[in-house]
Amino acid sequence: MIKLLAHLAHLEVASPDVEASAAFYEAAFGLRVVDRDADGSVYLRCWGDYHPYSLVVSHGAEPALVTMAWRTTSPEALDEAGRRVEAKGVSGTWSDGRQGHGRSYRFTGPWGHTMELYYDVPRHSAPEELRSVFPDRPEKRSSHAAAPRFLDHVTIAASDVRGFCAWYSEVLGFRTMAFTDLDNAPVTVFGVITTNEKSHDLGVVLDSSTRGGRVNHIAFWTDSHQELLVAADVLMENGARIEYGPSIHGIGEQTYLYFREPSGLRIELNTGGYRNYVPDWVPHTWTPSEGSNSIYRNSVMPMSMTESFPPDPGRPTATEEGVLPGTEEALLNPYAVHGQG
């Protein structure tokens, strides 16, 4: 079978205040602004990503995921991916090129999440002052102490975790790596799938809301545990509220740190974890008591972590302290009961 997808290429998110969000990503988190378009969208990049931009911030009434973009392994894989999606009864749109990349296929999946697939995209060419002494680096290491090296993954919210993982595995060739089921009920609250050797580049949490296409967080990668701790320091010094962490996930074994940008959207910075090349991997179903989210099993995740975006109009949002009133979400969502992020 042809391998269709190579990696997560970029994310586009919505913010009610694009300038405030972009300023946070740049000044507090260390991404670099590389472009702006006529519609007011801001394009930013991590210093280690190989293509021109990693993140697009566009205007929207609420914080949300606009699209997740994936690079295919070849032009032929792009055509095949489009055929497979259409064969499942999902209609997409072909484009000759947009946002600086070539021909693409854009569709909205069964749970309301928009995905864009493309192959042709230029390799990032750094300006002279940002060229690295390492020939394989797209640009020199950022001097900002919190700056992530790469865009890492996105975790969405859907009403059927196993169904979501099965659909994207069958249609686009994602590998399913792990699940979390509740200890006290046969309910799957989390799953992770991947296009490559990472433990995941797409996660899914159980969503009990009536809104489709929601996102729980977007995630970036830094090189070491020590750099993540320094980033936490820098983020706090820049006024960011640390929502959860640092600690270590059981699933994937990454060290993690969660915080919010001005729109309220959750961001994760992570590092470490395993690499998995096993072609016949059998996903383990974790339970919260095993430490699927926090392997140390010595802390309770704040209820604010159960929020996904856009917000569910049927429930309150997080308070300034990051604690949600009520505990009903704990019955359905891994974040309240040591799931995984």
Protein backbone atom coordinates (compact mmCIF):
# COMPACT_ATOMS: atom_id res chain seq x y z
CA MET A 1 0.00 0.00 0.00
CA ILE A 2 1.31 3.45 -0.87
CA LYS A 3 2.22 5.63 2.12
CA LEU A 4 0.10 8.73 1.71
CA LEU A 5 1.07 11.31 4.37
CA ALA A 6 4.55 12.40 5.43
CA HIS A 7 3.97 14.83 8.30
CA LEU A 8 1.93 17.67 9.75
CA ALA A 9 2.85 20.70 7.64
CA HIS A 10 1.14 23.70 9.26
CA LEU A 11 -1.91 24.73 11.26
CA GLU A 12 -4.27 27.63 10.78
CA VAL A 13 -6.09 28.86 13.88
CA ALA A 14 -8.67 31.58 14.44
CA SER A 15 -8.46 34.34 17.03
CA PRO A 16 -10.85 37.21 17.82
CA ASP A 17 -7.76 39.43 18.17
CA VAL A 18 -5.17 38.37 15.61
CA GLU A 19 -2.62 40.98 16.63
CA ALA A 20 -2.77 40.05 20.32
CA SER A 21 -2.38 36.35 19.54
CA ALA A 22 0.41 36.92 17.02
CA ALA A 23 2.25 39.20 19.45
CA PHE A 24 2.07 36.47 22.10
CA TYR A 25 3.41 33.80 19.74
CA GLU A 26 6.24 36.12 18.74
CA ALA A 27 7.23 37.94 21.94
CA ALA A 28 6.39 35.39 24.64
CA PHE A 29 6.85 32.09 22.80
CA GLY A 30 9.56 32.91 20.26
CA LEU A 31 7.97 32.13 16.90
CA ARG A 32 9.00 34.47 14.09
CA VAL A 33 6.54 36.45 11.96
CA VAL A 34 7.36 35.83 8.30
CA ASP A 35 4.36 37.24 6.43
CA ARG A 36 0.97 38.96 6.61
CA ASP A 37 -1.74 38.86 3.99
CA ALA A 38 -4.39 41.33 2.85
CA ASP A 39 -7.04 39.64 5.00
CA GLY A 40 -5.02 40.31 8.14
CA SER A 41 -3.74 36.76 8.69
CA VAL A 42 -0.30 36.48 10.27
CA TYR A 43 2.15 33.74 9.28
CA LEU A 44 4.69 32.53 11.84
CA ARG A 45 7.40 29.90 11.86
CA CYS A 46 9.40 27.79 14.28
CA TRP A 47 13.12 28.16 13.70
CA GLY A 48 13.58 24.47 12.85
CA ASP A 49 10.66 23.83 10.50
CA TYR A 50 11.76 23.11 6.94
CA HIS A 51 8.98 24.97 5.13
CA PRO A 52 8.20 28.70 5.10
CA TYR A 53 5.67 28.80 7.94
CA SER A 54 4.35 26.64 10.78
CA LEU A 55 1.29 28.52 12.00
CA VAL A 56 -1.27 30.92 10.51
CA VAL A 57 -3.38 33.11 12.80
CA SER A 58 -6.53 34.40 11.10
CA HIS A 59 -9.47 36.40 12.36
CA GLY A 60 -12.47 34.55 13.77
CA ALA A 61 -15.21 35.27 16.26
CA GLU A 62 -13.92 32.49 18.56
CA PRO A 63 -10.66 30.61 19.10
CA ALA A 64 -10.79 27.62 16.76
CA LEU A 65 -8.88 25.34 14.42
CA VAL A 66 -9.44 26.54 10.85
CA THR A 67 -7.48 23.79 9.14
CA MET A 68 -4.76 21.24 9.75
CA ALA A 69 -2.45 20.84 6.75
CA TRP A 70 -0.48 17.69 5.95
CA ARG A 71 2.21 17.11 3.35
CA THR A 72 1.85 13.97 1.27
CA THR A 73 4.77 11.75 0.34
CA SER A 74 4.49 12.52 -3.39
CA PRO A 75 2.22 14.10 -6.01
CA GLU A 76 0.84 10.62 -6.71
CA ALA A 77 0.05 10.16 -3.02
CA LEU A 78 -1.87 13.44 -3.07
CA ASP A 79 -4.04 12.19 -5.94
CA GLU A 80 -4.58 8.86 -4.21
CA ALA A 81 -5.50 10.53 -0.91
CA GLY A 82 -8.13 12.61 -2.69
CA ARG A 83 -9.56 9.51 -4.37
CA ARG A 84 -9.80 7.66 -1.05
CA VAL A 85 -11.57 10.51 0.70
CA GLU A 86 -14.07 10.85 -2.16
CA ALA A 87 -14.63 7.07 -2.16
CA LYS A 88 -15.82 7.38 1.45
CA GLY A 89 -18.53 9.81 0.36
CA VAL A 90 -16.76 12.99 1.50
CA SER A 91 -16.58 15.74 -1.13
CA GLY A 92 -13.50 17.94 -1.13
CA THR A 93 -12.12 20.78 -3.21
CA TRP A 94 -8.99 20.83 -5.36
CA SER A 95 -6.97 24.03 -5.57
CA ASP A 96 -4.13 24.97 -7.90
CA GLY A 97 -2.22 26.54 -5.05
CA ARG A 98 -2.78 28.77 -2.03
CA GLN A 99 -0.89 30.21 0.94
CA GLY A 100 2.48 29.66 -0.70
CA HIS A 101 2.18 25.96 -1.51
CA GLY A 102 1.16 24.09 -4.63
CA ARG A 103 -1.85 22.06 -5.69
CA SER A 104 -3.92 20.89 -2.73
CA TYR A 105 -6.98 18.93 -1.72
CA ARG A 106 -9.15 20.34 1.06
CA PHE A 107 -11.99 18.48 2.77
CA THR A 108 -13.98 18.43 5.99
CA GLY A 109 -14.03 15.02 7.67
CA PRO A 110 -16.96 13.23 9.31
CA TRP A 111 -16.43 14.96 12.68
CA GLY A 112 -16.23 18.46 11.22
CA HIS A 113 -12.46 19.03 11.05
CA THR A 114 -11.03 20.59 7.90
CA MET A 115 -7.86 19.04 6.52
CA GLU A 116 -5.73 20.26 3.63
CA LEU A 117 -3.31 17.96 1.81
CA TYR A 118 -0.51 19.05 -0.50
CA TYR A 119 2.92 17.98 -1.72
CA ASP A 120 4.56 20.90 -3.51
CA VAL A 121 5.90 23.44 -1.02
CA PRO A 122 9.17 25.38 -1.13
CA ARG A 123 11.99 24.60 1.28
CA HIS A 124 12.49 27.52 3.65
CA SER A 125 15.32 29.82 2.60
CA ALA A 126 16.52 31.94 5.48
CA PRO A 127 17.69 35.51 4.95
CA GLU A 128 21.43 35.95 5.21
CA GLU A 129 21.36 37.15 8.81
CA LEU A 130 19.45 34.02 9.89
CA ARG A 131 21.46 31.39 8.04
CA SER A 132 22.81 28.63 10.25
CA VAL A 133 26.34 27.25 10.42
CA PHE A 134 24.62 23.83 10.28
CA PRO A 135 23.93 23.25 6.56
CA ASP A 136 20.90 21.04 7.25
CA ARG A 137 19.14 23.59 9.45
CA PRO A 138 16.62 25.81 7.67
CA GLU A 139 17.75 28.75 9.80
CA LYS A 140 19.84 29.41 12.89
CA ARG A 141 18.60 28.50 16.34
CA SER A 142 16.41 31.20 17.82
CA SER A 143 17.93 33.35 20.55
CA HIS A 144 14.54 33.46 22.29
CA ALA A 145 14.77 31.18 25.33
CA ALA A 146 11.27 29.70 24.90
CA ALA A 147 11.29 29.25 21.12
CA PRO A 148 10.17 25.77 19.97
CA ARG A 149 12.09 24.00 17.25
CA PHE A 150 9.16 22.41 15.39
CA LEU A 151 5.42 22.28 15.10
CA ASP A 152 4.64 18.89 16.65
CA HIS A 153 0.97 17.82 16.67
CA VAL A 154 -2.66 18.82 17.00
CA THR A 155 -5.25 17.27 19.30
CA ILE A 156 -8.86 17.61 18.21
CA ALA A 157 -12.15 16.74 19.92
CA ALA A 158 -14.69 14.29 18.47
CA SER A 159 -17.77 12.42 19.62
CA ASP A 160 -16.34 8.97 18.75
CA VAL A 161 -12.65 8.50 19.52
CA ARG A 162 -12.25 4.99 18.10
CA GLY A 163 -14.41 5.83 15.08
CA PHE A 164 -12.28 8.89 14.33
CA CYS A 165 -9.04 6.90 14.59
CA ALA A 166 -10.43 4.08 12.43
CA TRP A 167 -11.65 6.44 9.68
CA TYR A 168 -8.37 8.34 9.35
CA SER A 169 -6.36 5.13 9.55
CA GLU A 170 -8.42 3.42 6.86
CA VAL A 171 -8.65 6.39 4.51
CA LEU A 172 -5.31 8.18 4.92
CA GLY A 173 -3.07 5.53 6.44
CA PHE A 174 -2.52 6.91 9.94
CA ARG A 175 -1.17 4.32 12.41
CA THR A 176 -3.18 3.98 15.63
CA MET A 177 -0.78 4.02 18.57
CA ALA A 178 -2.79 4.00 21.83
CA PHE A 179 -6.14 4.59 23.50
CA THR A 180 -7.34 5.55 26.96
CA ASP A 181 -10.49 3.94 28.39
CA LEU A 182 -12.00 4.93 31.71
CA ASP A 183 -11.24 2.69 34.68
CA ASN A 184 -14.86 2.43 35.73
CA ALA A 185 -16.69 2.30 32.38
CA PRO A 186 -16.07 0.94 28.86
CA VAL A 187 -15.71 4.45 27.41
CA THR A 188 -12.79 5.44 25.18
CA VAL A 189 -11.82 9.00 26.00
CA PHE A 190 -8.57 9.44 24.11
CA GLY A 191 -6.67 8.12 21.11
CA VAL A 192 -3.46 8.91 19.26
CA ILE A 193 -2.59 8.30 15.61
CA THR A 194 0.51 9.11 13.59
CA THR A 195 1.81 9.45 10.05
CA ASN A 196 5.41 8.61 10.96
CA GLU A 197 7.63 7.37 13.81
CA LYS A 198 6.32 9.78 16.45
CA SER A 199 3.92 8.49 19.08
CA HIS A 200 1.36 10.83 17.54
CA ASP A 201 0.95 13.86 15.35
CA LEU A 202 -2.84 13.76 15.65
CA GLY A 203 -4.67 13.16 18.94
CA VAL A 204 -8.39 12.99 19.66
CA VAL A 205 -10.27 13.55 22.94
CA LEU A 206 -13.86 12.57 23.52
CA ASP A 207 -16.22 15.49 22.94
CA SER A 208 -19.59 15.57 24.66
CA SER A 209 -20.60 18.91 23.12
CA THR A 210 -22.92 19.44 20.18
CA ARG A 211 -20.32 21.39 18.16
CA GLY A 212 -18.29 19.67 15.47
CA GLY A 213 -14.74 20.41 14.35
CA ARG A 214 -13.41 21.42 17.76
CA VAL A 215 -9.77 21.41 18.85
CA ASN A 216 -8.32 20.78 22.31
CA HIS A 217 -4.80 22.08 21.75
CA ILE A 218 -1.99 22.66 19.29
CA ALA A 219 1.53 21.49 20.17
CA PHE A 220 5.14 22.40 19.52
CA TRP A 221 8.45 20.61 20.12
CA THR A 222 11.61 21.66 21.93
CA ASP A 223 14.85 19.70 22.02
CA SER A 224 15.25 18.84 25.70
CA HIS A 225 13.62 18.62 29.11
CA GLN A 226 15.84 21.46 30.32
CA GLU A 227 14.75 23.72 27.45
CA LEU A 228 11.11 23.01 28.31
CA LEU A 229 11.71 24.07 31.93
CA VAL A 230 13.42 27.25 30.77
CA ALA A 231 10.49 27.92 28.43
CA ALA A 232 8.09 27.59 31.36
CA ASP A 233 10.14 30.18 33.22
CA VAL A 234 10.18 32.57 30.26
CA LEU A 235 6.47 32.16 29.56
CA MET A 236 5.59 32.96 33.17
CA GLU A 237 7.89 36.01 33.08
CA ASN A 238 5.96 37.12 29.97
CA GLY A 239 2.60 36.83 31.72
CA ALA A 240 1.44 33.44 30.44
CA ARG A 241 -0.73 31.32 32.72
CA ILE A 242 0.74 27.81 32.99
CA GLU A 243 -2.28 25.54 32.91
CA TYR A 244 -0.73 22.14 33.55
CA GLY A 245 2.72 20.60 33.85
CA PRO A 246 5.57 20.15 33.51
CA SER A 247 5.18 16.39 33.88
CA ILE A 248 5.46 13.26 31.73
CA HIS A 249 2.70 11.51 29.78
CA GLY A 250 2.47 7.74 30.07
CA ILE A 251 1.19 7.50 26.50
CA GLY A 252 4.04 8.62 24.26
CA GLU A 253 6.36 9.33 27.22
CA GLN A 254 6.72 13.02 26.37
CA THR A 255 7.44 15.74 28.91
CA TYR A 256 4.66 18.31 28.58
CA LEU A 257 3.72 21.88 29.45
CA TYR A 258 0.30 23.45 28.75
CA PHE A 259 -0.50 27.16 28.66
CA ARG A 260 -2.90 29.56 26.95
CA GLU A 261 -2.49 32.31 24.36
CA PRO A 262 -4.62 35.51 24.60
CA SER A 263 -7.60 34.09 22.67
CA GLY A 264 -7.85 31.31 25.24
CA LEU A 265 -6.57 28.62 22.85
CA ARG A 266 -4.45 25.99 24.59
CA ILE A 267 -0.85 25.41 23.53
CA GLU A 268 1.36 22.49 24.49
CA LEU A 269 5.15 22.46 24.46
CA ASN A 270 6.64 18.98 24.65
CA THR A 271 9.87 17.06 24.33
CA GLY A 272 11.25 13.55 24.71
CA GLY A 273 9.13 10.48 24.13
CA TYR A 274 9.75 7.39 22.07
CA ARG A 275 10.09 6.80 18.36
CA ASN A 276 8.20 3.82 16.97
CA TYR A 277 9.02 2.21 13.63
CA VAL A 278 7.07 -1.04 14.21
CA PRO A 279 4.88 -1.69 11.13
CA ASP A 280 2.57 -4.14 12.95
CA TRP A 281 2.25 -2.16 16.18
CA VAL A 282 -0.67 -3.23 18.38
CA PRO A 283 -2.08 -0.22 20.28
CA HIS A 284 -2.35 -0.64 24.03
CA THR A 285 -5.53 0.56 25.72
CA TRP A 286 -4.46 2.44 28.82
CA THR A 287 -6.58 3.35 31.81
CA PRO A 288 -6.19 6.54 33.84
CA SER A 289 -4.98 4.56 36.86
CA GLU A 290 -1.99 3.38 34.78
CA GLY A 291 -0.87 6.98 34.39
CA SER A 292 -1.86 7.47 30.77
CA ASN A 293 -1.64 11.24 31.17
CA SER A 294 0.75 11.72 34.11
CA ILE A 295 2.92 8.67 34.61
CA TYR A 296 3.77 9.78 38.15
CA ARG A 297 0.07 9.56 39.11
CA ASN A 298 0.57 12.15 41.84
CA SER A 299 -1.38 15.17 40.56
CA VAL A 300 -4.88 15.95 39.38
CA MET A 301 -5.28 17.63 36.03
CA PRO A 302 -7.20 20.93 36.34
CA MET A 303 -10.74 20.79 35.01
CA SER A 304 -9.93 23.70 32.71
CA MET A 305 -8.06 21.18 30.55
CA THR A 306 -11.42 19.69 29.51
CA GLU A 307 -12.21 22.81 27.48
CA SER A 308 -12.04 22.52 23.71
CA PHE A 309 -12.47 25.26 21.11
CA PRO A 310 -14.67 26.91 19.99
CA PRO A 311 -16.16 26.82 23.48
CA ASP A 312 -19.24 24.71 24.15
CA PRO A 313 -22.14 27.15 24.72
CA GLY A 314 -23.72 24.61 27.04
CA ARG A 315 -21.00 24.81 29.68
CA PRO A 316 -19.01 27.54 31.45
CA THR A 317 -15.43 28.35 30.44
CA ALA A 318 -12.41 28.18 32.71
CA THR A 319 -11.99 30.67 35.52
CA GLU A 320 -8.84 32.70 36.00
CA GLU A 321 -7.56 29.91 38.22
CA GLY A 322 -8.16 27.37 35.47
CA VAL A 323 -10.82 25.39 37.36
CA LEU A 324 -14.20 24.64 35.84
CA PRO A 325 -17.29 24.57 38.02
CA GLY A 326 -18.91 21.16 38.13
CA THR A 327 -17.39 17.72 37.66
CA GLU A 328 -19.61 16.09 35.05
CA GLU A 329 -16.90 16.32 32.40
CA ALA A 330 -14.66 14.10 34.50
CA LEU A 331 -16.86 11.16 33.58
CA LEU A 332 -16.19 11.61 29.86
CA ASN A 333 -12.89 13.34 29.35
CA PRO A 334 -9.37 11.97 29.92
CA TYR A 335 -8.00 15.31 31.10
CA ALA A 336 -10.02 15.17 34.30
CA VAL A 337 -8.94 11.62 35.08
CA HIS A 338 -5.31 11.33 33.96
CA GLY A 339 -5.94 10.75 30.28
CA GLN A 340 -3.37 11.98 27.76
CA GLY A 341 -2.67 15.15 25.82
